[in-house]
Amino acid sequence: MDEGTSALAAAIGTRVRQERQARGWTLDRLAEAAGVSRRMVINVEQGAANPSVGTLLRMSDALGVGLPALVESPEPRTLEVVRKGEGRALWSGEFGGRGTLVAGTESPDVVELWDWTMGPGDQHASEAHSPGTKELLQVQHGSITVVTAGQSIPLDTGDALTFPGDVAHSYINTGTEPARFSLAVFEPGVGSGHRPEPTR
């Protein structure tokens, strides 16, 4: 992990541990609630892992906080400005892509705003999020394909798509140019239930 990724992993680990301990939960209890291994919880808390977005979502939902709460400082704020380049890069692609969480709200009804770039050939597969989750996406540059609910939807610059995020879905850059898109995720009732078990 590079220095920025290591610092983010350490910050996430600290937040996960704080949230778990505030509830009086053991490592095993969090692992069971999130549907991840005890070893993964330990690695995340120690900042030794660079967990997938899916793993972070399962852990944040189990703890009853939104994903933004795990990557931001715990102090409550009524106004938060995130300057260009200050978002939290939580995904990196094989061909130079990045998924950056730039803003988000607190639970129980969490809204996340993402800035995604994908190099030609990059793809990101996402597990189903919690029931009722909706995603809104707009392509800012280039073209991508969204695969969801058995459909493959090509999108070009300026195109937008709204789709359910509570089914498995993926974003793919099948073109020859880099692509960039904005993504908003609305996840109602975070912490009120468990995510579906991931398919293996």
N, C-alpha and C. Protein backbone atom coordinates (compact mmCIF):
# COMPACT_ATOMS: atom_id res chain seq x y z
N MET A 1 0.85 -1.19 0.00
CA MET A 1 0.00 0.00 0.00
C MET A 1 0.88 1.24 0.00
N ASP A 2 0.48 2.27 -0.76
CA ASP A 2 1.23 3.51 -0.74
C ASP A 2 0.88 4.29 0.54
N GLU A 3 1.55 5.42 0.73
CA GLU A 3 1.39 6.17 1.98
C GLU A 3 -0.05 6.64 2.20
N GLY A 4 -0.70 7.15 1.14
CA GLY A 4 -2.07 7.62 1.27
C GLY A 4 -3.03 6.49 1.58
N THR A 5 -2.84 5.34 0.91
CA THR A 5 -3.70 4.18 1.16
C THR A 5 -3.49 3.65 2.57
N SER A 6 -2.24 3.63 3.03
CA SER A 6 -1.95 3.17 4.39
C SER A 6 -2.60 4.07 5.43
N ALA A 7 -2.55 5.38 5.20
CA ALA A 7 -3.16 6.32 6.15
C ALA A 7 -4.67 6.14 6.19
N LEU A 8 -5.28 5.94 5.03
CA LEU A 8 -6.73 5.71 4.98
C LEU A 8 -7.10 4.40 5.66
N ALA A 9 -6.32 3.35 5.40
CA ALA A 9 -6.59 2.05 6.03
C ALA A 9 -6.49 2.16 7.55
N ALA A 10 -5.51 2.91 8.05
CA ALA A 10 -5.35 3.10 9.49
C ALA A 10 -6.53 3.87 10.08
N ALA A 11 -6.98 4.91 9.36
CA ALA A 11 -8.11 5.71 9.84
C ALA A 11 -9.39 4.87 9.87
N ILE A 12 -9.60 4.07 8.83
CA ILE A 12 -10.78 3.20 8.80
C ILE A 12 -10.71 2.19 9.94
N GLY A 13 -9.53 1.61 10.16
CA GLY A 13 -9.36 0.64 11.24
C GLY A 13 -9.68 1.23 12.60
N THR A 14 -9.23 2.45 12.83
CA THR A 14 -9.51 3.13 14.10
C THR A 14 -11.00 3.34 14.27
N ARG A 15 -11.68 3.79 13.21
CA ARG A 15 -13.13 4.03 13.29
C ARG A 15 -13.90 2.74 13.53
N VAL A 16 -13.52 1.68 12.83
CA VAL A 16 -14.22 0.39 13.01
C VAL A 16 -14.06 -0.08 14.45
N ARG A 17 -12.84 0.00 14.97
CA ARG A 17 -12.60 -0.42 16.35
C ARG A 17 -13.39 0.43 17.33
N GLN A 18 -13.41 1.76 17.13
CA GLN A 18 -14.17 2.66 18.01
C GLN A 18 -15.65 2.31 18.00
N GLU A 19 -16.21 2.11 16.80
CA GLU A 19 -17.63 1.79 16.69
C GLU A 19 -17.94 0.43 17.32
N ARG A 20 -17.08 -0.53 17.10
CA ARG A 20 -17.29 -1.87 17.67
C ARG A 20 -17.22 -1.82 19.20
N GLN A 21 -16.20 -1.16 19.73
CA GLN A 21 -16.03 -1.10 21.18
C GLN A 21 -17.13 -0.28 21.84
N ALA A 22 -17.62 0.76 21.17
CA ALA A 22 -18.71 1.58 21.72
C ALA A 22 -19.97 0.75 21.91
N ARG A 23 -20.11 -0.32 21.12
CA ARG A 23 -21.27 -1.20 21.24
C ARG A 23 -21.02 -2.38 22.17
N GLY A 24 -19.77 -2.48 22.66
CA GLY A 24 -19.41 -3.60 23.52
C GLY A 24 -19.35 -4.92 22.77
N TRP A 25 -19.08 -4.84 21.48
CA TRP A 25 -19.05 -6.04 20.63
C TRP A 25 -17.66 -6.66 20.63
N THR A 26 -17.63 -7.97 20.54
CA THR A 26 -16.37 -8.68 20.33
C THR A 26 -16.06 -8.68 18.84
N LEU A 27 -14.83 -9.07 18.51
CA LEU A 27 -14.45 -9.21 17.11
C LEU A 27 -15.36 -10.22 16.42
N ASP A 28 -15.66 -11.32 17.13
CA ASP A 28 -16.51 -12.36 16.55
C ASP A 28 -17.92 -11.85 16.27
N ARG A 29 -18.44 -11.02 17.16
CA ARG A 29 -19.79 -10.51 16.95
C ARG A 29 -19.86 -9.63 15.71
N LEU A 30 -18.88 -8.75 15.53
CA LEU A 30 -18.86 -7.91 14.34
C LEU A 30 -18.69 -8.77 13.09
N ALA A 31 -17.79 -9.74 13.16
CA ALA A 31 -17.57 -10.61 12.00
C ALA A 31 -18.86 -11.31 11.60
N GLU A 32 -19.58 -11.84 12.58
CA GLU A 32 -20.83 -12.55 12.30
C GLU A 32 -21.89 -11.59 11.74
N ALA A 33 -22.03 -10.42 12.35
CA ALA A 33 -23.04 -9.45 11.91
C ALA A 33 -22.75 -8.95 10.50
N ALA A 34 -21.48 -8.82 10.16
CA ALA A 34 -21.10 -8.28 8.85
C ALA A 34 -20.95 -9.36 7.79
N GLY A 35 -20.90 -10.62 8.21
CA GLY A 35 -20.72 -11.70 7.25
C GLY A 35 -19.32 -11.74 6.68
N VAL A 36 -18.33 -11.38 7.52
CA VAL A 36 -16.93 -11.45 7.11
C VAL A 36 -16.18 -12.29 8.14
N SER A 37 -14.97 -12.67 7.83
CA SER A 37 -14.19 -13.48 8.76
C SER A 37 -13.65 -12.64 9.92
N ARG A 38 -13.40 -13.32 11.03
CA ARG A 38 -12.79 -12.65 12.19
C ARG A 38 -11.43 -12.06 11.77
N ARG A 39 -10.68 -12.80 10.97
CA ARG A 39 -9.36 -12.35 10.51
C ARG A 39 -9.50 -11.04 9.72
N MET A 40 -10.56 -10.92 8.90
CA MET A 40 -10.76 -9.68 8.14
C MET A 40 -11.01 -8.52 9.09
N VAL A 41 -11.83 -8.72 10.14
CA VAL A 41 -12.09 -7.65 11.10
C VAL A 41 -10.78 -7.22 11.77
N ILE A 42 -9.98 -8.20 12.17
CA ILE A 42 -8.69 -7.89 12.81
C ILE A 42 -7.80 -7.10 11.85
N ASN A 43 -7.70 -7.57 10.61
CA ASN A 43 -6.85 -6.89 9.63
C ASN A 43 -7.32 -5.46 9.36
N VAL A 44 -8.64 -5.28 9.28
CA VAL A 44 -9.18 -3.94 9.04
C VAL A 44 -8.86 -3.05 10.23
N GLU A 45 -9.12 -3.53 11.45
CA GLU A 45 -8.88 -2.72 12.64
C GLU A 45 -7.41 -2.36 12.81
N GLN A 46 -6.53 -3.23 12.37
CA GLN A 46 -5.10 -2.97 12.49
C GLN A 46 -4.56 -2.14 11.33
N GLY A 47 -5.43 -1.83 10.37
CA GLY A 47 -4.98 -1.07 9.20
C GLY A 47 -4.08 -1.87 8.29
N ALA A 48 -4.11 -3.20 8.46
CA ALA A 48 -3.24 -4.07 7.68
C ALA A 48 -3.89 -4.53 6.38
N ALA A 49 -5.17 -4.22 6.20
CA ALA A 49 -5.88 -4.66 5.01
C ALA A 49 -6.38 -3.44 4.24
N ASN A 50 -6.48 -3.63 2.95
CA ASN A 50 -7.13 -2.64 2.09
C ASN A 50 -8.43 -3.29 1.63
N PRO A 51 -9.47 -3.25 2.49
CA PRO A 51 -10.68 -4.02 2.21
C PRO A 51 -11.44 -3.49 1.00
N SER A 52 -12.20 -4.38 0.38
CA SER A 52 -13.02 -3.98 -0.75
C SER A 52 -14.14 -3.06 -0.28
N VAL A 53 -14.74 -2.34 -1.22
CA VAL A 53 -15.88 -1.49 -0.90
C VAL A 53 -17.00 -2.36 -0.33
N GLY A 54 -17.20 -3.55 -0.90
CA GLY A 54 -18.23 -4.46 -0.41
C GLY A 54 -18.04 -4.83 1.05
N THR A 55 -16.80 -5.12 1.43
CA THR A 55 -16.51 -5.47 2.82
C THR A 55 -16.79 -4.29 3.74
N LEU A 56 -16.35 -3.10 3.32
CA LEU A 56 -16.60 -1.90 4.13
C LEU A 56 -18.10 -1.63 4.28
N LEU A 57 -18.85 -1.84 3.21
CA LEU A 57 -20.30 -1.65 3.28
C LEU A 57 -20.95 -2.62 4.26
N ARG A 58 -20.53 -3.88 4.23
CA ARG A 58 -21.09 -4.88 5.16
C ARG A 58 -20.76 -4.51 6.60
N MET A 59 -19.53 -4.06 6.84
CA MET A 59 -19.14 -3.70 8.20
C MET A 59 -19.87 -2.44 8.68
N SER A 60 -19.99 -1.44 7.79
CA SER A 60 -20.66 -0.21 8.21
C SER A 60 -22.14 -0.46 8.48
N ASP A 61 -22.77 -1.31 7.69
CA ASP A 61 -24.18 -1.62 7.92
C ASP A 61 -24.35 -2.39 9.22
N ALA A 62 -23.48 -3.35 9.48
CA ALA A 62 -23.56 -4.13 10.72
C ALA A 62 -23.42 -3.22 11.94
N LEU A 63 -22.58 -2.21 11.83
CA LEU A 63 -22.36 -1.28 12.94
C LEU A 63 -23.45 -0.21 13.02
N GLY A 64 -24.29 -0.14 11.99
CA GLY A 64 -25.38 0.84 11.99
C GLY A 64 -24.93 2.24 11.64
N VAL A 65 -23.82 2.35 10.93
CA VAL A 65 -23.32 3.64 10.46
C VAL A 65 -23.19 3.55 8.95
N GLY A 66 -23.14 4.64 8.27
CA GLY A 66 -22.93 4.62 6.83
C GLY A 66 -21.46 4.50 6.49
N LEU A 67 -21.19 4.11 5.26
CA LEU A 67 -19.81 4.04 4.80
C LEU A 67 -19.07 5.36 5.00
N PRO A 68 -19.71 6.51 4.73
CA PRO A 68 -18.98 7.77 4.96
C PRO A 68 -18.48 7.91 6.40
N ALA A 69 -19.22 7.34 7.37
CA ALA A 69 -18.80 7.46 8.77
C ALA A 69 -17.51 6.70 9.05
N LEU A 70 -17.22 5.67 8.26
CA LEU A 70 -15.99 4.91 8.48
C LEU A 70 -14.76 5.59 7.90
N VAL A 71 -14.97 6.48 6.94
CA VAL A 71 -13.81 7.09 6.29
C VAL A 71 -13.61 8.56 6.66
N GLU A 72 -14.50 9.08 7.48
CA GLU A 72 -14.38 10.47 7.93
C GLU A 72 -14.13 10.51 9.43
N SER A 73 -13.70 11.66 9.93
CA SER A 73 -13.48 11.80 11.37
C SER A 73 -14.82 11.75 12.09
N PRO A 74 -14.83 11.30 13.37
CA PRO A 74 -16.09 11.10 14.08
C PRO A 74 -16.79 12.37 14.57
N GLU A 75 -16.16 13.52 14.47
CA GLU A 75 -16.79 14.74 14.98
C GLU A 75 -17.99 15.10 14.11
N PRO A 76 -19.15 15.38 14.74
CA PRO A 76 -20.31 15.77 13.95
C PRO A 76 -20.11 17.14 13.32
N ARG A 77 -20.60 17.29 12.09
CA ARG A 77 -20.46 18.55 11.38
C ARG A 77 -21.76 18.85 10.66
N THR A 78 -22.14 20.10 10.65
CA THR A 78 -23.32 20.48 9.89
C THR A 78 -22.93 20.92 8.49
N LEU A 79 -21.67 21.28 8.30
CA LEU A 79 -21.18 21.72 7.00
C LEU A 79 -19.81 21.11 6.78
N GLU A 80 -19.64 20.49 5.65
CA GLU A 80 -18.34 19.90 5.36
C GLU A 80 -17.96 20.18 3.92
N VAL A 81 -16.81 20.75 3.72
CA VAL A 81 -16.31 21.04 2.38
C VAL A 81 -15.20 20.04 2.08
N VAL A 82 -15.29 19.39 0.95
CA VAL A 82 -14.24 18.49 0.48
C VAL A 82 -13.65 19.13 -0.77
N ARG A 83 -12.42 19.55 -0.68
CA ARG A 83 -11.76 20.21 -1.80
C ARG A 83 -11.30 19.18 -2.83
N LYS A 84 -11.09 19.67 -4.03
CA LYS A 84 -10.62 18.81 -5.11
C LYS A 84 -9.40 18.01 -4.66
N GLY A 85 -9.46 16.70 -4.87
CA GLY A 85 -8.35 15.83 -4.51
C GLY A 85 -8.37 15.33 -3.08
N GLU A 86 -9.35 15.77 -2.27
CA GLU A 86 -9.39 15.38 -0.86
C GLU A 86 -10.34 14.21 -0.57
N GLY A 87 -11.03 13.69 -1.58
CA GLY A 87 -11.93 12.57 -1.36
C GLY A 87 -11.17 11.31 -0.95
N ARG A 88 -11.91 10.29 -0.55
CA ARG A 88 -11.32 9.03 -0.10
C ARG A 88 -11.37 8.01 -1.22
N ALA A 89 -10.22 7.70 -1.81
CA ALA A 89 -10.15 6.70 -2.88
C ALA A 89 -10.29 5.31 -2.25
N LEU A 90 -11.42 4.66 -2.50
CA LEU A 90 -11.70 3.36 -1.89
C LEU A 90 -11.60 2.21 -2.89
N TRP A 91 -11.40 2.51 -4.15
CA TRP A 91 -11.23 1.48 -5.17
C TRP A 91 -10.22 1.94 -6.19
N SER A 92 -9.37 1.04 -6.62
CA SER A 92 -8.46 1.36 -7.73
C SER A 92 -8.53 0.21 -8.72
N GLY A 93 -8.53 0.57 -9.99
CA GLY A 93 -8.66 -0.41 -11.05
C GLY A 93 -7.32 -0.87 -11.57
N GLU A 94 -7.37 -1.94 -12.29
CA GLU A 94 -6.16 -2.54 -12.86
C GLU A 94 -5.53 -1.64 -13.93
N PHE A 95 -6.36 -0.78 -14.55
CA PHE A 95 -5.88 0.04 -15.65
C PHE A 95 -5.93 1.53 -15.33
N GLY A 96 -5.78 1.87 -14.03
CA GLY A 96 -5.66 3.27 -13.63
C GLY A 96 -6.92 3.91 -13.09
N GLY A 97 -8.02 3.19 -13.03
CA GLY A 97 -9.26 3.76 -12.53
C GLY A 97 -9.24 3.97 -11.03
N ARG A 98 -10.15 4.86 -10.56
CA ARG A 98 -10.29 5.13 -9.12
C ARG A 98 -11.75 5.41 -8.81
N GLY A 99 -12.18 4.86 -7.69
CA GLY A 99 -13.50 5.17 -7.16
C GLY A 99 -13.30 5.97 -5.88
N THR A 100 -13.69 7.23 -5.89
CA THR A 100 -13.43 8.13 -4.78
C THR A 100 -14.73 8.60 -4.14
N LEU A 101 -14.87 8.33 -2.85
CA LEU A 101 -16.02 8.83 -2.09
C LEU A 101 -15.73 10.28 -1.74
N VAL A 102 -16.52 11.20 -2.28
CA VAL A 102 -16.23 12.62 -2.07
C VAL A 102 -17.13 13.26 -1.02
N ALA A 103 -18.29 12.67 -0.76
CA ALA A 103 -19.19 13.24 0.25
C ALA A 103 -20.19 12.17 0.67
N GLY A 104 -20.74 12.34 1.87
CA GLY A 104 -21.74 11.39 2.34
C GLY A 104 -22.44 11.91 3.58
N THR A 105 -23.61 11.35 3.82
CA THR A 105 -24.40 11.72 4.99
C THR A 105 -24.35 10.61 6.02
N GLU A 106 -24.88 10.91 7.21
CA GLU A 106 -24.88 9.94 8.30
C GLU A 106 -26.11 9.04 8.22
N SER A 107 -26.07 7.93 8.97
CA SER A 107 -27.19 7.01 9.02
C SER A 107 -28.35 7.67 9.79
N PRO A 108 -29.57 7.21 9.63
CA PRO A 108 -29.92 5.94 9.01
C PRO A 108 -30.12 6.00 7.50
N ASP A 109 -30.45 7.13 6.92
CA ASP A 109 -30.64 7.22 5.47
C ASP A 109 -29.41 7.85 4.87
N VAL A 110 -28.53 7.00 4.35
CA VAL A 110 -27.22 7.43 3.90
C VAL A 110 -27.23 7.74 2.41
N VAL A 111 -26.64 8.87 2.05
CA VAL A 111 -26.42 9.23 0.66
C VAL A 111 -24.91 9.38 0.48
N GLU A 112 -24.40 8.72 -0.55
CA GLU A 112 -22.97 8.81 -0.86
C GLU A 112 -22.82 9.44 -2.24
N LEU A 113 -21.81 10.30 -2.39
CA LEU A 113 -21.49 10.88 -3.69
C LEU A 113 -20.08 10.44 -4.07
N TRP A 114 -19.97 9.81 -5.22
CA TRP A 114 -18.71 9.24 -5.70
C TRP A 114 -18.26 9.90 -6.99
N ASP A 115 -16.95 9.95 -7.17
CA ASP A 115 -16.33 10.38 -8.42
C ASP A 115 -15.52 9.18 -8.92
N TRP A 116 -15.90 8.65 -10.07
CA TRP A 116 -15.25 7.46 -10.62
C TRP A 116 -14.51 7.79 -11.91
N THR A 117 -13.32 7.24 -12.04
CA THR A 117 -12.62 7.23 -13.32
C THR A 117 -12.31 5.77 -13.63
N MET A 118 -12.39 5.42 -14.89
CA MET A 118 -12.07 4.06 -15.31
C MET A 118 -11.23 4.11 -16.57
N GLY A 119 -10.09 3.44 -16.52
CA GLY A 119 -9.27 3.31 -17.71
C GLY A 119 -9.88 2.28 -18.64
N PRO A 120 -9.49 2.30 -19.92
CA PRO A 120 -9.99 1.28 -20.84
C PRO A 120 -9.70 -0.12 -20.29
N GLY A 121 -10.73 -0.93 -20.19
CA GLY A 121 -10.58 -2.28 -19.65
C GLY A 121 -10.88 -2.40 -18.17
N ASP A 122 -10.97 -1.29 -17.43
CA ASP A 122 -11.30 -1.36 -16.01
C ASP A 122 -12.74 -1.82 -15.82
N GLN A 123 -12.96 -2.57 -14.76
CA GLN A 123 -14.32 -2.94 -14.38
C GLN A 123 -14.40 -3.10 -12.87
N HIS A 124 -15.56 -2.77 -12.35
CA HIS A 124 -15.80 -2.91 -10.91
C HIS A 124 -17.11 -3.65 -10.72
N ALA A 125 -17.03 -4.80 -10.05
CA ALA A 125 -18.23 -5.57 -9.74
C ALA A 125 -18.65 -5.27 -8.32
N SER A 126 -19.91 -4.95 -8.11
CA SER A 126 -20.42 -4.61 -6.79
C SER A 126 -21.44 -5.64 -6.34
N GLU A 127 -21.31 -6.05 -5.09
CA GLU A 127 -22.32 -6.92 -4.50
C GLU A 127 -23.61 -6.14 -4.34
N ALA A 128 -24.70 -6.88 -4.13
CA ALA A 128 -25.97 -6.22 -3.83
C ALA A 128 -25.84 -5.46 -2.52
N HIS A 129 -26.29 -4.22 -2.51
CA HIS A 129 -26.31 -3.43 -1.28
C HIS A 129 -27.58 -3.77 -0.50
N SER A 130 -27.79 -3.11 0.62
CA SER A 130 -28.94 -3.42 1.46
C SER A 130 -30.25 -3.12 0.72
N PRO A 131 -31.34 -3.79 1.11
CA PRO A 131 -32.63 -3.61 0.43
C PRO A 131 -33.05 -2.14 0.36
N GLY A 132 -33.56 -1.75 -0.80
CA GLY A 132 -34.03 -0.39 -1.00
C GLY A 132 -32.99 0.58 -1.54
N THR A 133 -31.74 0.14 -1.66
CA THR A 133 -30.68 1.02 -2.15
C THR A 133 -30.93 1.39 -3.61
N LYS A 134 -30.72 2.65 -3.93
CA LYS A 134 -30.85 3.16 -5.30
C LYS A 134 -29.54 3.83 -5.70
N GLU A 135 -29.19 3.73 -6.97
CA GLU A 135 -28.00 4.39 -7.49
C GLU A 135 -28.38 5.27 -8.68
N LEU A 136 -27.73 6.43 -8.75
CA LEU A 136 -27.91 7.37 -9.86
C LEU A 136 -26.53 7.68 -10.41
N LEU A 137 -26.38 7.55 -11.70
CA LEU A 137 -25.08 7.68 -12.32
C LEU A 137 -25.18 8.59 -13.54
N GLN A 138 -24.18 9.47 -13.72
CA GLN A 138 -24.10 10.26 -14.94
C GLN A 138 -22.67 10.24 -15.45
N VAL A 139 -22.53 9.95 -16.74
CA VAL A 139 -21.22 9.91 -17.38
C VAL A 139 -20.78 11.33 -17.71
N GLN A 140 -19.61 11.70 -17.21
CA GLN A 140 -19.06 13.04 -17.45
C GLN A 140 -18.15 13.06 -18.68
N HIS A 141 -17.49 11.93 -18.94
CA HIS A 141 -16.54 11.86 -20.05
C HIS A 141 -16.40 10.39 -20.48
N GLY A 142 -16.34 10.17 -21.78
CA GLY A 142 -16.13 8.82 -22.28
C GLY A 142 -17.42 8.01 -22.27
N SER A 143 -17.26 6.71 -22.16
CA SER A 143 -18.42 5.82 -22.13
C SER A 143 -18.15 4.64 -21.20
N ILE A 144 -19.22 4.17 -20.57
CA ILE A 144 -19.14 2.99 -19.72
C ILE A 144 -20.36 2.12 -20.00
N THR A 145 -20.30 0.90 -19.50
CA THR A 145 -21.43 -0.01 -19.56
C THR A 145 -21.77 -0.40 -18.14
N VAL A 146 -23.05 -0.30 -17.79
CA VAL A 146 -23.53 -0.76 -16.49
C VAL A 146 -24.27 -2.07 -16.72
N VAL A 147 -23.89 -3.08 -15.95
CA VAL A 147 -24.56 -4.38 -16.03
C VAL A 147 -25.34 -4.57 -14.74
N THR A 148 -26.66 -4.73 -14.86
CA THR A 148 -27.50 -4.90 -13.68
C THR A 148 -28.76 -5.66 -14.06
N ALA A 149 -29.21 -6.52 -13.17
CA ALA A 149 -30.46 -7.26 -13.35
C ALA A 149 -30.54 -7.93 -14.72
N GLY A 150 -29.43 -8.50 -15.16
CA GLY A 150 -29.41 -9.21 -16.42
C GLY A 150 -29.38 -8.33 -17.66
N GLN A 151 -29.23 -7.02 -17.47
CA GLN A 151 -29.17 -6.09 -18.60
C GLN A 151 -27.79 -5.46 -18.69
N SER A 152 -27.38 -5.16 -19.90
CA SER A 152 -26.13 -4.46 -20.15
C SER A 152 -26.49 -3.13 -20.82
N ILE A 153 -26.23 -2.02 -20.12
CA ILE A 153 -26.66 -0.70 -20.58
C ILE A 153 -25.46 0.15 -20.92
N PRO A 154 -25.21 0.44 -22.22
CA PRO A 154 -24.11 1.33 -22.59
C PRO A 154 -24.51 2.79 -22.38
N LEU A 155 -23.59 3.57 -21.83
CA LEU A 155 -23.83 4.98 -21.56
C LEU A 155 -22.68 5.82 -22.10
N ASP A 156 -23.01 6.91 -22.77
CA ASP A 156 -22.00 7.82 -23.31
C ASP A 156 -22.01 9.14 -22.53
N THR A 157 -21.09 10.02 -22.84
CA THR A 157 -20.98 11.32 -22.17
C THR A 157 -22.34 12.01 -22.11
N GLY A 158 -22.73 12.41 -20.89
CA GLY A 158 -23.99 13.11 -20.67
C GLY A 158 -25.15 12.19 -20.35
N ASP A 159 -25.03 10.90 -20.65
CA ASP A 159 -26.10 9.95 -20.33
C ASP A 159 -26.17 9.71 -18.83
N ALA A 160 -27.38 9.41 -18.36
CA ALA A 160 -27.59 9.14 -16.94
C ALA A 160 -28.43 7.88 -16.79
N LEU A 161 -28.33 7.25 -15.64
CA LEU A 161 -29.06 6.01 -15.36
C LEU A 161 -29.42 5.97 -13.88
N THR A 162 -30.63 5.56 -13.59
CA THR A 162 -31.07 5.28 -12.22
C THR A 162 -31.38 3.80 -12.16
N PHE A 163 -30.88 3.11 -11.14
CA PHE A 163 -31.10 1.66 -11.07
C PHE A 163 -31.04 1.19 -9.62
N PRO A 164 -31.63 0.02 -9.35
CA PRO A 164 -31.59 -0.51 -7.99
C PRO A 164 -30.18 -0.98 -7.64
N GLY A 165 -29.70 -0.57 -6.47
CA GLY A 165 -28.38 -0.99 -6.01
C GLY A 165 -28.45 -2.22 -5.13
N ASP A 166 -29.68 -2.74 -4.92
CA ASP A 166 -29.81 -3.91 -4.04
C ASP A 166 -29.78 -5.22 -4.81
N VAL A 167 -29.25 -5.16 -6.04
CA VAL A 167 -28.92 -6.36 -6.81
C VAL A 167 -27.47 -6.21 -7.25
N ALA A 168 -26.80 -7.33 -7.51
CA ALA A 168 -25.42 -7.27 -7.97
C ALA A 168 -25.36 -6.46 -9.26
N HIS A 169 -24.32 -5.66 -9.41
CA HIS A 169 -24.17 -4.82 -10.59
C HIS A 169 -22.70 -4.52 -10.83
N SER A 170 -22.40 -4.03 -12.01
CA SER A 170 -21.00 -3.70 -12.30
C SER A 170 -20.92 -2.55 -13.29
N TYR A 171 -19.77 -1.89 -13.25
CA TYR A 171 -19.45 -0.79 -14.16
C TYR A 171 -18.23 -1.23 -14.96
N ILE A 172 -18.27 -1.03 -16.27
CA ILE A 172 -17.19 -1.50 -17.13
C ILE A 172 -16.86 -0.42 -18.17
N ASN A 173 -15.58 -0.19 -18.38
CA ASN A 173 -15.16 0.66 -19.49
C ASN A 173 -14.68 -0.26 -20.60
N THR A 174 -15.53 -0.46 -21.59
CA THR A 174 -15.19 -1.33 -22.72
C THR A 174 -14.60 -0.54 -23.88
N GLY A 175 -14.50 0.78 -23.70
CA GLY A 175 -13.99 1.63 -24.77
C GLY A 175 -12.48 1.70 -24.81
N THR A 176 -11.98 2.60 -25.63
CA THR A 176 -10.54 2.76 -25.80
C THR A 176 -10.02 4.04 -25.14
N GLU A 177 -10.93 4.82 -24.54
CA GLU A 177 -10.57 6.07 -23.88
C GLU A 177 -10.94 6.00 -22.39
N PRO A 178 -10.25 6.77 -21.54
CA PRO A 178 -10.65 6.82 -20.13
C PRO A 178 -12.08 7.35 -20.01
N ALA A 179 -12.76 6.94 -18.96
CA ALA A 179 -14.13 7.40 -18.70
C ALA A 179 -14.21 7.95 -17.29
N ARG A 180 -15.15 8.89 -17.10
CA ARG A 180 -15.36 9.45 -15.77
C ARG A 180 -16.86 9.58 -15.55
N PHE A 181 -17.31 9.21 -14.36
CA PHE A 181 -18.73 9.37 -14.06
C PHE A 181 -18.94 9.70 -12.59
N SER A 182 -20.06 10.39 -12.33
CA SER A 182 -20.49 10.69 -10.97
C SER A 182 -21.52 9.65 -10.57
N LEU A 183 -21.47 9.25 -9.31
CA LEU A 183 -22.39 8.23 -8.82
C LEU A 183 -22.93 8.66 -7.47
N ALA A 184 -24.24 8.66 -7.33
CA ALA A 184 -24.89 8.90 -6.04
C ALA A 184 -25.55 7.61 -5.62
N VAL A 185 -25.37 7.25 -4.35
CA VAL A 185 -25.97 6.03 -3.79
C VAL A 185 -26.84 6.43 -2.61
N PHE A 186 -28.11 6.03 -2.66
CA PHE A 186 -29.03 6.26 -1.55
C PHE A 186 -29.31 4.92 -0.90
N GLU A 187 -28.96 4.82 0.38
CA GLU A 187 -29.12 3.57 1.13
C GLU A 187 -29.95 3.85 2.38
N PRO A 188 -31.26 3.55 2.31
CA PRO A 188 -32.13 3.85 3.45
C PRO A 188 -31.98 2.85 4.59
N GLY A 189 -32.19 3.33 5.79
CA GLY A 189 -32.25 2.46 6.96
C GLY A 189 -30.98 1.71 7.28
N VAL A 190 -29.83 2.34 7.12
CA VAL A 190 -28.56 1.67 7.42
C VAL A 190 -28.55 1.25 8.89
N GLY A 191 -28.19 0.01 9.12
CA GLY A 191 -28.11 -0.51 10.48
C GLY A 191 -29.39 -1.15 10.96
N SER A 192 -30.46 -1.08 10.16
CA SER A 192 -31.73 -1.65 10.61
C SER A 192 -31.87 -3.12 10.24
N GLY A 193 -30.95 -3.63 9.48
CA GLY A 193 -30.99 -5.05 9.10
C GLY A 193 -29.66 -5.48 8.56
N HIS A 194 -29.62 -6.70 8.11
CA HIS A 194 -28.36 -7.24 7.58
C HIS A 194 -28.40 -7.26 6.07
N ARG A 195 -27.25 -7.12 5.50
CA ARG A 195 -27.11 -7.24 4.05
C ARG A 195 -27.28 -8.70 3.65
N PRO A 196 -27.72 -8.92 2.41
CA PRO A 196 -27.76 -10.30 1.95
C PRO A 196 -26.36 -10.88 1.93
N GLU A 197 -26.27 -12.18 2.17
CA GLU A 197 -24.97 -12.84 2.11
C GLU A 197 -24.43 -12.75 0.69
N PRO A 198 -23.15 -12.44 0.54
CA PRO A 198 -22.59 -12.38 -0.80
C PRO A 198 -22.57 -13.76 -1.43
N THR A 199 -22.77 -13.81 -2.76
CA THR A 199 -22.66 -15.09 -3.45
C THR A 199 -21.19 -15.37 -3.69
N ARG A 200 -20.81 -16.57 -3.54
CA ARG A 200 -19.41 -16.92 -3.67
C ARG A 200 -19.18 -17.70 -4.94
